Amino acid sequence: QVQLQESGGGLAQAGGSLRLSCAASGITFTNYVMDWYRQPPGKQRESVATITSFRVTNYADFVKGRFTIFRDNAKKTVYLQMNSLKPEDTAVYYCAARIGSKAYWGQGTQVTVSS
């Protein structure tokens, strides 16, 4: 059974930092592209960052220079380091594992940034 478990969300002040983690089980982690998405209140889910099995990364423009995605293949975990947080970063953050057309999703973790 595939499971993706996010953690690390919470409340932060503007300008602060949080680190999200997503621990995977039930998959051959190194075969998967890992993504972080977010869904702000009242808005659609949007892509935040992606990291391939070769650690090639890609970021949405609105987080470039502030967020960093990285993975620890030995721990089967992907991280999202979020710095210089803004109130507009408030959202539920989801991790996803992708291979071909197949994708698995976590349950999400709430991030709230106060001004």
C-alpha atoms as a PDB file:
ATOM      1  CA  GLN A   1       0.000   0.000   0.000  1.00  0.00           C
ATOM      2  CA  VAL A   2       1.374   3.372  -1.050  1.00  0.00           C
ATOM      3  CA  GLN A   3       1.464   6.039   1.622  1.00  0.00           C
ATOM      4  CA  LEU A   4       2.745   9.590   1.535  1.00  0.00           C
ATOM      5  CA  GLN A   5       2.751  11.290   4.918  1.00  0.00           C
ATOM      6  CA  GLU A   6       3.380  15.022   5.098  1.00  0.00           C
ATOM      7  CA  SER A   7       4.512  16.770   8.257  1.00  0.00           C
ATOM      8  CA  GLY A   8       6.027  20.039   9.363  1.00  0.00           C
ATOM      9  CA  GLY A   9       3.182  22.396   8.654  1.00  0.00           C
ATOM     10  CA  GLY A  10       1.960  24.939  11.150  1.00  0.00           C
ATOM     11  CA  LEU A  11       1.845  28.623  11.894  1.00  0.00           C
ATOM     12  CA  ALA A  12       4.681  30.959  10.944  1.00  0.00           C
ATOM     13  CA  GLN A  13       5.144  34.696  10.860  1.00  0.00           C
ATOM     14  CA  ALA A  14       5.851  36.540   7.655  1.00  0.00           C
ATOM     15  CA  GLY A  15       9.561  36.365   6.953  1.00  0.00           C
ATOM     16  CA  GLY A  16       9.882  33.128   8.868  1.00  0.00           C
ATOM     17  CA  SER A  17      10.694  29.590   7.811  1.00  0.00           C
ATOM     18  CA  LEU A  18       9.176  26.147   7.869  1.00  0.00           C
ATOM     19  CA  ARG A  19      10.386  22.797   6.589  1.00  0.00           C
ATOM     20  CA  LEU A  20       7.875  20.302   5.270  1.00  0.00           C
ATOM     21  CA  SER A  21       8.624  16.613   5.040  1.00  0.00           C
ATOM     22  CA  CYS A  22       6.918  13.874   3.071  1.00  0.00           C
ATOM     23  CA  ALA A  23       7.773  10.295   3.946  1.00  0.00           C
ATOM     24  CA  ALA A  24       6.927   7.680   1.348  1.00  0.00           C
ATOM     25  CA  SER A  25       6.269   3.999   1.779  1.00  0.00           C
ATOM     26  CA  GLY A  26       5.105   1.243  -0.541  1.00  0.00           C
ATOM     27  CA  ILE A  27       6.989   2.580  -3.566  1.00  0.00           C
ATOM     28  CA  THR A  28      10.466   2.290  -5.016  1.00  0.00           C
ATOM     29  CA  PHE A  29      11.189   5.871  -4.081  1.00  0.00           C
ATOM     30  CA  THR A  30      14.142   6.400  -6.415  1.00  0.00           C
ATOM     31  CA  ASN A  31      11.941   5.688  -9.450  1.00  0.00           C
ATOM     32  CA  TYR A  32       9.536   8.527  -8.692  1.00  0.00           C
ATOM     33  CA  VAL A  33       9.418  12.211  -9.450  1.00  0.00           C
ATOM     34  CA  MET A  34       8.376  13.994  -6.284  1.00  0.00           C
ATOM     35  CA  ASP A  35       6.258  17.133  -6.238  1.00  0.00           C
ATOM     36  CA  TRP A  36       4.994  19.664  -3.769  1.00  0.00           C
ATOM     37  CA  TYR A  37       1.665  21.292  -4.549  1.00  0.00           C
ATOM     38  CA  ARG A  38      -0.426  23.705  -2.571  1.00  0.00           C
ATOM     39  CA  GLN A  39      -4.036  24.802  -2.424  1.00  0.00           C
ATOM     40  CA  PRO A  40      -4.646  28.273  -1.012  1.00  0.00           C
ATOM     41  CA  PRO A  41      -8.053  28.974   0.568  1.00  0.00           C
ATOM     42  CA  GLY A  42     -10.710  29.249  -2.113  1.00  0.00           C
ATOM     43  CA  LYS A  43      -8.265  28.575  -4.935  1.00  0.00           C
ATOM     44  CA  GLN A  44      -7.204  25.674  -7.094  1.00  0.00           C
ATOM     45  CA  ARG A  45      -4.300  23.421  -6.329  1.00  0.00           C
ATOM     46  CA  GLU A  46      -1.049  24.645  -7.872  1.00  0.00           C
ATOM     47  CA  SER A  47       2.391  23.210  -8.420  1.00  0.00           C
ATOM     48  CA  VAL A  48       5.117  24.542  -6.142  1.00  0.00           C
ATOM     49  CA  ALA A  49       8.232  22.482  -6.814  1.00  0.00           C
ATOM     50  CA  THR A  50       9.411  19.268  -8.431  1.00  0.00           C
ATOM     51  CA  ILE A  51      12.473  17.073  -8.032  1.00  0.00           C
ATOM     52  CA  THR A  52      13.370  14.159 -10.250  1.00  0.00           C
ATOM     53  CA  SER A  53      15.144  11.003  -9.233  1.00  0.00           C
ATOM     54  CA  PHE A  54      18.322  12.649 -10.552  1.00  0.00           C
ATOM     55  CA  ARG A  55      17.636  15.643  -8.288  1.00  0.00           C
ATOM     56  CA  VAL A  56      16.802  17.985 -11.128  1.00  0.00           C
ATOM     57  CA  THR A  57      14.530  20.627  -9.648  1.00  0.00           C
ATOM     58  CA  ASN A  58      11.925  23.012 -10.931  1.00  0.00           C
ATOM     59  CA  TYR A  59      10.041  25.764  -9.104  1.00  0.00           C
ATOM     60  CA  ALA A  60       7.012  27.909  -9.600  1.00  0.00           C
ATOM     61  CA  ASP A  61       7.971  31.529 -10.160  1.00  0.00           C
ATOM     62  CA  PHE A  62       6.228  32.621  -6.976  1.00  0.00           C
ATOM     63  CA  VAL A  63       8.595  30.549  -4.784  1.00  0.00           C
ATOM     64  CA  LYS A  64      11.883  30.825  -6.681  1.00  0.00           C
ATOM     65  CA  GLY A  65      14.656  31.996  -4.416  1.00  0.00           C
ATOM     66  CA  ARG A  66      12.597  31.326  -1.279  1.00  0.00           C
ATOM     67  CA  PHE A  67      11.745  27.603  -1.322  1.00  0.00           C
ATOM     68  CA  THR A  68      14.058  24.628  -1.829  1.00  0.00           C
ATOM     69  CA  ILE A  69      12.998  21.084  -2.615  1.00  0.00           C
ATOM     70  CA  PHE A  70      15.343  18.226  -1.848  1.00  0.00           C
ATOM     71  CA  ARG A  71      15.130  14.505  -1.306  1.00  0.00           C
ATOM     72  CA  ASP A  72      16.804  11.848   0.805  1.00  0.00           C
ATOM     73  CA  ASN A  73      16.473   8.610  -1.108  1.00  0.00           C
ATOM     74  CA  ALA A  74      17.768   6.526   1.781  1.00  0.00           C
ATOM     75  CA  LYS A  75      14.976   7.856   4.000  1.00  0.00           C
ATOM     76  CA  LYS A  76      12.407   7.855   1.186  1.00  0.00           C
ATOM     77  CA  THR A  77      11.597  11.416   2.099  1.00  0.00           C
ATOM     78  CA  VAL A  78      11.195  14.641   0.163  1.00  0.00           C
ATOM     79  CA  TYR A  79      11.456  18.010   1.842  1.00  0.00           C
ATOM     80  CA  LEU A  80      10.378  21.544   1.134  1.00  0.00           C
ATOM     81  CA  GLN A  81      12.394  24.205   2.897  1.00  0.00           C
ATOM     82  CA  MET A  82      10.347  27.383   2.923  1.00  0.00           C
ATOM     83  CA  ASN A  83      12.089  30.642   3.783  1.00  0.00           C
ATOM     84  CA  SER A  84      10.967  34.256   3.649  1.00  0.00           C
ATOM     85  CA  LEU A  85       7.388  33.154   4.041  1.00  0.00           C
ATOM     86  CA  LYS A  86       4.599  35.476   2.970  1.00  0.00           C
ATOM     87  CA  PRO A  87       0.939  35.525   4.013  1.00  0.00           C
ATOM     88  CA  GLU A  88       0.055  34.462   0.470  1.00  0.00           C
ATOM     89  CA  ASP A  89       1.949  31.217   1.078  1.00  0.00           C
ATOM     90  CA  THR A  90      -0.911  30.190   3.356  1.00  0.00           C
ATOM     91  CA  ALA A  91      -2.289  26.946   1.929  1.00  0.00           C
ATOM     92  CA  VAL A  92      -2.632  23.239   2.387  1.00  0.00           C
ATOM     93  CA  TYR A  93       0.572  21.710   1.050  1.00  0.00           C
ATOM     94  CA  TYR A  94       0.518  18.292  -0.587  1.00  0.00           C
ATOM     95  CA  CYS A  95       3.276  16.030  -1.752  1.00  0.00           C
ATOM     96  CA  ALA A  96       2.870  13.750  -4.732  1.00  0.00           C
ATOM     97  CA  ALA A  97       4.855  10.867  -6.185  1.00  0.00           C
ATOM     98  CA  ARG A  98       4.718  10.471  -9.950  1.00  0.00           C
ATOM     99  CA  ILE A  99       5.864   7.787 -12.363  1.00  0.00           C
ATOM    100  CA  GLY A 100       4.583   7.912 -15.930  1.00  0.00           C
ATOM    101  CA  SER A 101       0.876   8.715 -15.800  1.00  0.00           C
ATOM    102  CA  LYS A 102       0.474   7.393 -12.261  1.00  0.00           C
ATOM    103  CA  ALA A 103       0.438   9.689  -9.265  1.00  0.00           C
ATOM    104  CA  TYR A 104      -0.005   9.191  -5.551  1.00  0.00           C
ATOM    105  CA  TRP A 105      -0.942  11.974  -3.146  1.00  0.00           C
ATOM    106  CA  GLY A 106      -0.548  12.661   0.505  1.00  0.00           C
ATOM    107  CA  GLN A 107      -3.300  14.023   2.737  1.00  0.00           C
ATOM    108  CA  GLY A 108      -1.777  17.475   3.003  1.00  0.00           C
ATOM    109  CA  THR A 109      -0.444  19.674   5.771  1.00  0.00           C
ATOM    110  CA  GLN A 110      -1.688  23.156   6.624  1.00  0.00           C
ATOM    111  CA  VAL A 111       0.699  26.095   6.466  1.00  0.00           C
ATOM    112  CA  THR A 112      -0.528  29.418   7.807  1.00  0.00           C
ATOM    113  CA  VAL A 113       1.587  32.548   7.552  1.00  0.00           C
ATOM    114  CA  SER A 114       0.557  35.541   9.619  1.00  0.00           C
ATOM    115  CA  SER A 115       1.422  39.118   8.696  1.00  0.00           C
END
